[in-house]
Amino acid sequence: MLRHSRQKLGLAVEGSIASPLADGSTIRYNQTEAVKIQRKDRNTTQQALVVPEANDVFLGLLPLEAMDLMVDPVHERLTGVHGNQPLHILY
């Protein structure tokens, strides 16, 4: 999530988290309050990371998994892992 997007959405920063990068270094990002993410009849609540140098907002693995969605690279869309009905996973 971009700093600009965080401010537009009015999300408060609740802390920070260290994240390892591919080159082995570690960078610290601000983490926001919980955000509700919805796609059609599926939704989840997750905290977002604020990545100031990013040009786009990305939806990561955890929200996709929580909504039982996957990326269909052939048709360039999100699709249900288990069909049209979400499989509800209790944590």
PDB file of N, CA and C in Angstrom:
ATOM      1  N   MET A   1       0.841  -1.170   0.000  1.00  0.00           N
ATOM      2  CA  MET A   1       0.000   0.000   0.000  1.00  0.00           C
ATOM      3  C   MET A   1       0.889   1.236   0.000  1.00  0.00           C
ATOM      4  N   LEU A   2       0.572   2.168  -0.829  1.00  0.00           N
ATOM      5  CA  LEU A   2       1.325   3.411  -0.911  1.00  0.00           C
ATOM      6  C   LEU A   2       0.972   4.332   0.245  1.00  0.00           C
ATOM      7  N   ARG A   3       1.912   5.155   0.658  1.00  0.00           N
ATOM      8  CA  ARG A   3       1.658   6.134   1.715  1.00  0.00           C
ATOM      9  C   ARG A   3       0.457   7.005   1.327  1.00  0.00           C
ATOM     10  N   HIS A   4       0.415   7.422   0.057  1.00  0.00           N
ATOM     11  CA  HIS A   4      -0.685   8.247  -0.445  1.00  0.00           C
ATOM     12  C   HIS A   4      -2.023   7.512  -0.281  1.00  0.00           C
ATOM     13  N   SER A   5      -2.060   6.234  -0.605  1.00  0.00           N
ATOM     14  CA  SER A   5      -3.292   5.440  -0.481  1.00  0.00           C
ATOM     15  C   SER A   5      -3.702   5.327   0.978  1.00  0.00           C
ATOM     16  N   ARG A   6      -2.739   5.128   1.864  1.00  0.00           N
ATOM     17  CA  ARG A   6      -3.035   5.025   3.289  1.00  0.00           C
ATOM     18  C   ARG A   6      -3.688   6.306   3.780  1.00  0.00           C
ATOM     19  N   GLN A   7      -3.145   7.427   3.376  1.00  0.00           N
ATOM     20  CA  GLN A   7      -3.690   8.713   3.802  1.00  0.00           C
ATOM     21  C   GLN A   7      -5.083   8.947   3.213  1.00  0.00           C
ATOM     22  N   LYS A   8      -5.279   8.600   1.950  1.00  0.00           N
ATOM     23  CA  LYS A   8      -6.591   8.763   1.310  1.00  0.00           C
ATOM     24  C   LYS A   8      -7.657   7.935   2.022  1.00  0.00           C
ATOM     25  N   LEU A   9      -7.282   6.721   2.448  1.00  0.00           N
ATOM     26  CA  LEU A   9      -8.227   5.836   3.129  1.00  0.00           C
ATOM     27  C   LEU A   9      -8.374   6.175   4.607  1.00  0.00           C
ATOM     28  N   GLY A  10      -7.519   7.056   5.109  1.00  0.00           N
ATOM     29  CA  GLY A  10      -7.595   7.449   6.507  1.00  0.00           C
ATOM     30  C   GLY A  10      -7.170   6.362   7.467  1.00  0.00           C
ATOM     31  N   LEU A  11      -6.260   5.496   7.041  1.00  0.00           N
ATOM     32  CA  LEU A  11      -5.809   4.382   7.881  1.00  0.00           C
ATOM     33  C   LEU A  11      -4.704   4.828   8.825  1.00  0.00           C
ATOM     34  N   ALA A  12      -4.832   4.446  10.070  1.00  0.00           N
ATOM     35  CA  ALA A  12      -3.817   4.770  11.071  1.00  0.00           C
ATOM     36  C   ALA A  12      -2.684   3.757  11.009  1.00  0.00           C
ATOM     37  N   VAL A  13      -1.476   4.226  11.250  1.00  0.00           N
ATOM     38  CA  VAL A  13      -0.320   3.329  11.362  1.00  0.00           C
ATOM     39  C   VAL A  13      -0.314   2.795  12.782  1.00  0.00           C
ATOM     40  N   GLU A  14      -0.258   1.473  12.924  1.00  0.00           N
ATOM     41  CA  GLU A  14      -0.303   0.845  14.240  1.00  0.00           C
ATOM     42  C   GLU A  14       1.038   0.275  14.674  1.00  0.00           C
ATOM     43  N   GLY A  15       2.028   0.340  13.840  1.00  0.00           N
ATOM     44  CA  GLY A  15       3.332  -0.205  14.187  1.00  0.00           C
ATOM     45  C   GLY A  15       4.155  -0.400  12.935  1.00  0.00           C
ATOM     46  N   SER A  16       5.170  -1.215  13.067  1.00  0.00           N
ATOM     47  CA  SER A  16       6.009  -1.512  11.907  1.00  0.00           C
ATOM     48  C   SER A  16       6.418  -2.974  11.967  1.00  0.00           C
ATOM     49  N   ILE A  17       6.872  -3.469  10.830  1.00  0.00           N
ATOM     50  CA  ILE A  17       7.268  -4.875  10.724  1.00  0.00           C
ATOM     51  C   ILE A  17       8.519  -4.959   9.851  1.00  0.00           C
ATOM     52  N   ALA A  18       9.446  -5.826  10.245  1.00  0.00           N
ATOM     53  CA  ALA A  18      10.654  -6.060   9.449  1.00  0.00           C
ATOM     54  C   ALA A  18      10.346  -7.130   8.416  1.00  0.00           C
ATOM     55  N   SER A  19      10.765  -6.873   7.188  1.00  0.00           N
ATOM     56  CA  SER A  19      10.497  -7.809   6.101  1.00  0.00           C
ATOM     57  C   SER A  19      11.787  -8.107   5.342  1.00  0.00           C
ATOM     58  N   PRO A  20      12.110  -9.402   5.164  1.00  0.00           N
ATOM     59  CA  PRO A  20      13.315  -9.746   4.413  1.00  0.00           C
ATOM     60  C   PRO A  20      13.107  -9.544   2.914  1.00  0.00           C
ATOM     61  N   LEU A  21      14.158  -9.111   2.238  1.00  0.00           N
ATOM     62  CA  LEU A  21      14.128  -8.927   0.793  1.00  0.00           C
ATOM     63  C   LEU A  21      14.876 -10.063   0.108  1.00  0.00           C
ATOM     64  N   ALA A  22      14.720 -10.162  -1.200  1.00  0.00           N
ATOM     65  CA  ALA A  22      15.336 -11.245  -1.967  1.00  0.00           C
ATOM     66  C   ALA A  22      16.860 -11.233  -1.876  1.00  0.00           C
ATOM     67  N   ASP A  23      17.448 -10.060  -1.695  1.00  0.00           N
ATOM     68  CA  ASP A  23      18.908  -9.975  -1.622  1.00  0.00           C
ATOM     69  C   ASP A  23      19.456 -10.290  -0.227  1.00  0.00           C
ATOM     70  N   GLY A  24      18.570 -10.654   0.696  1.00  0.00           N
ATOM     71  CA  GLY A  24      18.992 -11.009   2.044  1.00  0.00           C
ATOM     72  C   GLY A  24      18.939  -9.865   3.037  1.00  0.00           C
ATOM     73  N   SER A  25      18.765  -8.656   2.555  1.00  0.00           N
ATOM     74  CA  SER A  25      18.663  -7.515   3.465  1.00  0.00           C
ATOM     75  C   SER A  25      17.256  -7.465   4.070  1.00  0.00           C
ATOM     76  N   THR A  26      17.112  -6.638   5.071  1.00  0.00           N
ATOM     77  CA  THR A  26      15.819  -6.488   5.743  1.00  0.00           C
ATOM     78  C   THR A  26      15.427  -5.022   5.726  1.00  0.00           C
ATOM     79  N   ILE A  27      14.150  -4.766   5.514  1.00  0.00           N
ATOM     80  CA  ILE A  27      13.636  -3.397   5.518  1.00  0.00           C
ATOM     81  C   ILE A  27      12.428  -3.356   6.448  1.00  0.00           C
ATOM     82  N   ARG A  28      12.197  -2.218   7.068  1.00  0.00           N
ATOM     83  CA  ARG A  28      11.090  -2.059   8.001  1.00  0.00           C
ATOM     84  C   ARG A  28       9.997  -1.217   7.334  1.00  0.00           C
ATOM     85  N   TYR A  29       8.763  -1.734   7.374  1.00  0.00           N
ATOM     86  CA  TYR A  29       7.608  -1.048   6.803  1.00  0.00           C
ATOM     87  C   TYR A  29       6.607  -0.720   7.898  1.00  0.00           C
ATOM     88  N   ASN A  30       5.906   0.395   7.750  1.00  0.00           N
ATOM     89  CA  ASN A  30       4.795   0.697   8.642  1.00  0.00           C
ATOM     90  C   ASN A  30       3.653  -0.253   8.352  1.00  0.00           C
ATOM     91  N   GLN A  31       2.899  -0.587   9.397  1.00  0.00           N
ATOM     92  CA  GLN A  31       1.761  -1.490   9.273  1.00  0.00           C
ATOM     93  C   GLN A  31       0.513  -0.736   9.724  1.00  0.00           C
ATOM     94  N   THR A  32      -0.571  -0.824   8.952  1.00  0.00           N
ATOM     95  CA  THR A  32      -1.792  -0.075   9.257  1.00  0.00           C
ATOM     96  C   THR A  32      -2.729  -0.874  10.152  1.00  0.00           C
ATOM     97  N   GLU A  33      -3.770  -0.178  10.564  1.00  0.00           N
ATOM     98  CA  GLU A  33      -4.874  -0.851  11.236  1.00  0.00           C
ATOM     99  C   GLU A  33      -5.508  -1.832  10.247  1.00  0.00           C
ATOM    100  N   ALA A  34      -6.399  -2.678  10.718  1.00  0.00           N
ATOM    101  CA  ALA A  34      -7.032  -3.686   9.867  1.00  0.00           C
ATOM    102  C   ALA A  34      -7.866  -3.036   8.764  1.00  0.00           C
ATOM    103  N   VAL A  35      -7.819  -3.640   7.578  1.00  0.00           N
ATOM    104  CA  VAL A  35      -8.541  -3.178   6.394  1.00  0.00           C
ATOM    105  C   VAL A  35      -9.448  -4.313   5.936  1.00  0.00           C
ATOM    106  N   LYS A  36     -10.715  -4.001   5.652  1.00  0.00           N
ATOM    107  CA  LYS A  36     -11.614  -5.012   5.095  1.00  0.00           C
ATOM    108  C   LYS A  36     -11.407  -5.047   3.585  1.00  0.00           C
ATOM    109  N   ILE A  37     -11.123  -6.233   3.059  1.00  0.00           N
ATOM    110  CA  ILE A  37     -10.907  -6.437   1.627  1.00  0.00           C
ATOM    111  C   ILE A  37     -12.052  -7.300   1.123  1.00  0.00           C
ATOM    112  N   GLN A  38     -12.727  -6.850   0.074  1.00  0.00           N
ATOM    113  CA  GLN A  38     -13.879  -7.582  -0.436  1.00  0.00           C
ATOM    114  C   GLN A  38     -13.750  -7.800  -1.929  1.00  0.00           C
ATOM    115  N   ARG A  39     -14.106  -8.989  -2.358  1.00  0.00           N
ATOM    116  CA  ARG A  39     -14.154  -9.353  -3.782  1.00  0.00           C
ATOM    117  C   ARG A  39     -15.428 -10.147  -3.989  1.00  0.00           C
ATOM    118  N   LYS A  40     -16.403  -9.543  -4.635  1.00  0.00           N
ATOM    119  CA  LYS A  40     -17.722 -10.156  -4.841  1.00  0.00           C
ATOM    120  C   LYS A  40     -18.287 -10.615  -3.503  1.00  0.00           C
ATOM    121  N   ASP A  41     -18.568 -11.917  -3.319  1.00  0.00           N
ATOM    122  CA  ASP A  41     -19.181 -12.414  -2.087  1.00  0.00           C
ATOM    123  C   ASP A  41     -18.153 -12.873  -1.051  1.00  0.00           C
ATOM    124  N   ARG A  42     -16.889 -12.516  -1.237  1.00  0.00           N
ATOM    125  CA  ARG A  42     -15.826 -12.952  -0.326  1.00  0.00           C
ATOM    126  C   ARG A  42     -15.169 -11.736   0.311  1.00  0.00           C
ATOM    127  N   ASN A  43     -14.806 -11.883   1.573  1.00  0.00           N
ATOM    128  CA  ASN A  43     -14.104 -10.788   2.230  1.00  0.00           C
ATOM    129  C   ASN A  43     -13.193 -11.310   3.325  1.00  0.00           C
ATOM    130  N   THR A  44     -12.262 -10.472   3.706  1.00  0.00           N
ATOM    131  CA  THR A  44     -11.331 -10.768   4.792  1.00  0.00           C
ATOM    132  C   THR A  44     -10.893  -9.450   5.406  1.00  0.00           C
ATOM    133  N   THR A  45     -10.329  -9.524   6.578  1.00  0.00           N
ATOM    134  CA  THR A  45      -9.781  -8.351   7.234  1.00  0.00           C
ATOM    135  C   THR A  45      -8.308  -8.603   7.490  1.00  0.00           C
ATOM    136  N   GLN A  46      -7.464  -7.701   7.005  1.00  0.00           N
ATOM    137  CA  GLN A  46      -6.013  -7.849   7.118  1.00  0.00           C
ATOM    138  C   GLN A  46      -5.385  -6.498   7.410  1.00  0.00           C
ATOM    139  N   GLN A  47      -4.202  -6.503   7.999  1.00  0.00           N
ATOM    140  CA  GLN A  47      -3.429  -5.277   8.113  1.00  0.00           C
ATOM    141  C   GLN A  47      -2.667  -5.090   6.803  1.00  0.00           C
ATOM    142  N   ALA A  48      -2.394  -3.838   6.456  1.00  0.00           N
ATOM    143  CA  ALA A  48      -1.658  -3.536   5.225  1.00  0.00           C
ATOM    144  C   ALA A  48      -0.281  -2.990   5.576  1.00  0.00           C
ATOM    145  N   LEU A  49       0.676  -3.237   4.691  1.00  0.00           N
ATOM    146  CA  LEU A  49       2.012  -2.667   4.828  1.00  0.00           C
ATOM    147  C   LEU A  49       2.094  -1.421   3.961  1.00  0.00           C
ATOM    148  N   VAL A  50       2.737  -0.383   4.483  1.00  0.00           N
ATOM    149  CA  VAL A  50       2.918   0.863   3.737  1.00  0.00           C
ATOM    150  C   VAL A  50       4.297   0.819   3.096  1.00  0.00           C
ATOM    151  N   VAL A  51       4.325   0.763   1.766  1.00  0.00           N
ATOM    152  CA  VAL A  51       5.569   0.677   1.005  1.00  0.00           C
ATOM    153  C   VAL A  51       5.690   1.966   0.185  1.00  0.00           C
ATOM    154  N   PRO A  52       6.372   2.972   0.744  1.00  0.00           N
ATOM    155  CA  PRO A  52       6.409   4.289   0.092  1.00  0.00           C
ATOM    156  C   PRO A  52       6.951   4.267  -1.330  1.00  0.00           C
ATOM    157  N   GLU A  53       7.908   3.408  -1.643  1.00  0.00           N
ATOM    158  CA  GLU A  53       8.517   3.414  -2.974  1.00  0.00           C
ATOM    159  C   GLU A  53       7.735   2.594  -4.003  1.00  0.00           C
ATOM    160  N   ALA A  54       6.613   1.993  -3.603  1.00  0.00           N
ATOM    161  CA  ALA A  54       5.815   1.186  -4.526  1.00  0.00           C
ATOM    162  C   ALA A  54       4.990   2.083  -5.447  1.00  0.00           C
ATOM    163  N   ASN A  55       4.772   1.622  -6.675  1.00  0.00           N
ATOM    164  CA  ASN A  55       3.947   2.363  -7.629  1.00  0.00           C
ATOM    165  C   ASN A  55       2.522   1.832  -7.690  1.00  0.00           C
ATOM    166  N   ASP A  56       2.299   0.641  -7.154  1.00  0.00           N
ATOM    167  CA  ASP A  56       0.988   0.002  -7.195  1.00  0.00           C
ATOM    168  C   ASP A  56       0.651  -0.562  -5.825  1.00  0.00           C
ATOM    169  N   VAL A  57      -0.629  -0.838  -5.617  1.00  0.00           N
ATOM    170  CA  VAL A  57      -1.085  -1.524  -4.413  1.00  0.00           C
ATOM    171  C   VAL A  57      -1.250  -2.989  -4.784  1.00  0.00           C
ATOM    172  N   PHE A  58      -0.645  -3.866  -3.989  1.00  0.00           N
ATOM    173  CA  PHE A  58      -0.682  -5.298  -4.287  1.00  0.00           C
ATOM    174  C   PHE A  58      -1.532  -6.043  -3.275  1.00  0.00           C
ATOM    175  N   LEU A  59      -2.235  -7.053  -3.742  1.00  0.00           N
ATOM    176  CA  LEU A  59      -2.985  -7.958  -2.890  1.00  0.00           C
ATOM    177  C   LEU A  59      -2.125  -9.200  -2.722  1.00  0.00           C
ATOM    178  N   GLY A  60      -1.715  -9.486  -1.508  1.00  0.00           N
ATOM    179  CA  GLY A  60      -0.784 -10.572  -1.257  1.00  0.00           C
ATOM    180  C   GLY A  60      -1.439 -11.922  -1.045  1.00  0.00           C
ATOM    181  N   LEU A  61      -0.610 -12.880  -0.702  1.00  0.00           N
ATOM    182  CA  LEU A  61      -1.036 -14.263  -0.529  1.00  0.00           C
ATOM    183  C   LEU A  61      -2.048 -14.434   0.595  1.00  0.00           C
ATOM    184  N   LEU A  62      -1.835 -13.787   1.731  1.00  0.00           N
ATOM    185  CA  LEU A  62      -2.722 -14.000   2.881  1.00  0.00           C
ATOM    186  C   LEU A  62      -4.167 -13.597   2.599  1.00  0.00           C
ATOM    187  N   PRO A  63      -4.438 -12.416   2.021  1.00  0.00           N
ATOM    188  CA  PRO A  63      -5.838 -12.109   1.711  1.00  0.00           C
ATOM    189  C   PRO A  63      -6.427 -13.031   0.641  1.00  0.00           C
ATOM    190  N   LEU A  64      -5.633 -13.387  -0.360  1.00  0.00           N
ATOM    191  CA  LEU A  64      -6.139 -14.307  -1.390  1.00  0.00           C
ATOM    192  C   LEU A  64      -6.507 -15.649  -0.772  1.00  0.00           C
ATOM    193  N   GLU A  65      -5.626 -16.162   0.071  1.00  0.00           N
ATOM    194  CA  GLU A  65      -5.876 -17.448   0.722  1.00  0.00           C
ATOM    195  C   GLU A  65      -7.093 -17.369   1.634  1.00  0.00           C
ATOM    196  N   ALA A  66      -7.206 -16.281   2.383  1.00  0.00           N
ATOM    197  CA  ALA A  66      -8.336 -16.121   3.299  1.00  0.00           C
ATOM    198  C   ALA A  66      -9.671 -16.062   2.560  1.00  0.00           C
ATOM    199  N   MET A  67      -9.663 -15.559   1.317  1.00  0.00           N
ATOM    200  CA  MET A  67     -10.889 -15.475   0.524  1.00  0.00           C
ATOM    201  C   MET A  67     -11.037 -16.660  -0.428  1.00  0.00           C
ATOM    202  N   ASP A  68     -10.130 -17.647  -0.319  1.00  0.00           N
ATOM    203  CA  ASP A  68     -10.169 -18.840  -1.166  1.00  0.00           C
ATOM    204  C   ASP A  68     -10.108 -18.462  -2.651  1.00  0.00           C
ATOM    205  N   LEU A  69      -9.192 -17.549  -2.970  1.00  0.00           N
ATOM    206  CA  LEU A  69      -9.003 -17.091  -4.347  1.00  0.00           C
ATOM    207  C   LEU A  69      -7.600 -17.416  -4.831  1.00  0.00           C
ATOM    208  N   MET A  70      -7.441 -17.492  -6.144  1.00  0.00           N
ATOM    209  CA  MET A  70      -6.123 -17.663  -6.749  1.00  0.00           C
ATOM    210  C   MET A  70      -6.082 -16.867  -8.046  1.00  0.00           C
ATOM    211  N   VAL A  71      -4.873 -16.612  -8.518  1.00  0.00           N
ATOM    212  CA  VAL A  71      -4.690 -15.894  -9.782  1.00  0.00           C
ATOM    213  C   VAL A  71      -4.723 -16.914 -10.914  1.00  0.00           C
ATOM    214  N   ASP A  72      -5.558 -16.653 -11.902  1.00  0.00           N
ATOM    215  CA  ASP A  72      -5.614 -17.465 -13.118  1.00  0.00           C
ATOM    216  C   ASP A  72      -4.785 -16.716 -14.159  1.00  0.00           C
ATOM    217  N   PRO A  73      -3.512 -17.119 -14.366  1.00  0.00           N
ATOM    218  CA  PRO A  73      -2.640 -16.365 -15.270  1.00  0.00           C
ATOM    219  C   PRO A  73      -3.041 -16.459 -16.740  1.00  0.00           C
ATOM    220  N   VAL A  74      -3.707 -17.528 -17.117  1.00  0.00           N
ATOM    221  CA  VAL A  74      -4.121 -17.695 -18.511  1.00  0.00           C
ATOM    222  C   VAL A  74      -5.189 -16.668 -18.878  1.00  0.00           C
ATOM    223  N   HIS A  75      -6.179 -16.496 -17.995  1.00  0.00           N
ATOM    224  CA  HIS A  75      -7.283 -15.573 -18.268  1.00  0.00           C
ATOM    225  C   HIS A  75      -7.101 -14.223 -17.571  1.00  0.00           C
ATOM    226  N   GLU A  76      -5.967 -14.068 -16.857  1.00  0.00           N
ATOM    227  CA  GLU A  76      -5.627 -12.828 -16.162  1.00  0.00           C
ATOM    228  C   GLU A  76      -6.755 -12.334 -15.273  1.00  0.00           C
ATOM    229  N   ARG A  77      -7.155 -13.186 -14.327  1.00  0.00           N
ATOM    230  CA  ARG A  77      -8.233 -12.829 -13.398  1.00  0.00           C
ATOM    231  C   ARG A  77      -8.080 -13.601 -12.094  1.00  0.00           C
ATOM    232  N   LEU A  78      -8.851 -13.182 -11.097  1.00  0.00           N
ATOM    233  CA  LEU A  78      -8.939 -13.932  -9.851  1.00  0.00           C
ATOM    234  C   LEU A  78     -10.062 -14.930  -9.991  1.00  0.00           C
ATOM    235  N   THR A  79      -9.855 -16.116  -9.467  1.00  0.00           N
ATOM    236  CA  THR A  79     -10.872 -17.152  -9.537  1.00  0.00           C
ATOM    237  C   THR A  79     -10.879 -17.928  -8.227  1.00  0.00           C
ATOM    238  N   GLY A  80     -11.996 -18.570  -7.939  1.00  0.00           N
ATOM    239  CA  GLY A  80     -12.105 -19.362  -6.722  1.00  0.00           C
ATOM    240  C   GLY A  80     -11.269 -20.627  -6.816  1.00  0.00           C
ATOM    241  N   VAL A  81     -10.532 -20.911  -5.760  1.00  0.00           N
ATOM    242  CA  VAL A  81      -9.722 -22.135  -5.724  1.00  0.00           C
ATOM    243  C   VAL A  81     -10.624 -23.363  -5.761  1.00  0.00           C
ATOM    244  N   HIS A  82     -11.758 -23.286  -5.071  1.00  0.00           N
ATOM    245  CA  HIS A  82     -12.688 -24.409  -4.981  1.00  0.00           C
ATOM    246  C   HIS A  82     -14.009 -24.098  -5.680  1.00  0.00           C
ATOM    247  N   GLY A  83     -13.956 -23.408  -6.803  1.00  0.00           N
ATOM    248  CA  GLY A  83     -15.160 -23.077  -7.554  1.00  0.00           C
ATOM    249  C   GLY A  83     -15.747 -21.752  -7.127  1.00  0.00           C
ATOM    250  N   ASN A  84     -17.053 -21.610  -7.382  1.00  0.00           N
ATOM    251  CA  ASN A  84     -17.710 -20.332  -7.113  1.00  0.00           C
ATOM    252  C   ASN A  84     -18.007 -20.092  -5.641  1.00  0.00           C
ATOM    253  N   GLN A  85     -18.085 -21.138  -4.840  1.00  0.00           N
ATOM    254  CA  GLN A  85     -18.360 -20.982  -3.422  1.00  0.00           C
ATOM    255  C   GLN A  85     -17.074 -20.964  -2.626  1.00  0.00           C
ATOM    256  N   PRO A  86     -16.888 -19.946  -1.774  1.00  0.00           N
ATOM    257  CA  PRO A  86     -15.655 -19.919  -0.981  1.00  0.00           C
ATOM    258  C   PRO A  86     -15.641 -21.031   0.056  1.00  0.00           C
ATOM    259  N   LEU A  87     -14.466 -21.596   0.239  1.00  0.00           N
ATOM    260  CA  LEU A  87     -14.255 -22.589   1.290  1.00  0.00           C
ATOM    261  C   LEU A  87     -13.832 -21.795   2.519  1.00  0.00           C
ATOM    262  N   HIS A  88     -14.615 -21.872   3.583  1.00  0.00           N
ATOM    263  CA  HIS A  88     -14.340 -21.095   4.785  1.00  0.00           C
ATOM    264  C   HIS A  88     -13.346 -21.840   5.661  1.00  0.00           C
ATOM    265  N   ILE A  89     -12.238 -21.186   5.924  1.00  0.00           N
ATOM    266  CA  ILE A  89     -11.176 -21.777   6.733  1.00  0.00           C
ATOM    267  C   ILE A  89     -11.201 -21.088   8.091  1.00  0.00           C
ATOM    268  N   LEU A  90     -11.281 -21.857   9.137  1.00  0.00           N
ATOM    269  CA  LEU A  90     -11.294 -21.304  10.483  1.00  0.00           C
ATOM    270  C   LEU A  90      -9.892 -21.403  11.051  1.00  0.00           C
ATOM    271  N   TYR A  91      -9.390 -20.300  11.559  1.00  0.00           N
ATOM    272  CA  TYR A  91      -8.057 -20.268  12.140  1.00  0.00           C
ATOM    273  C   TYR A  91      -8.152 -20.318  13.638  1.00  0.00           C
TER     274      TYR A  91
END
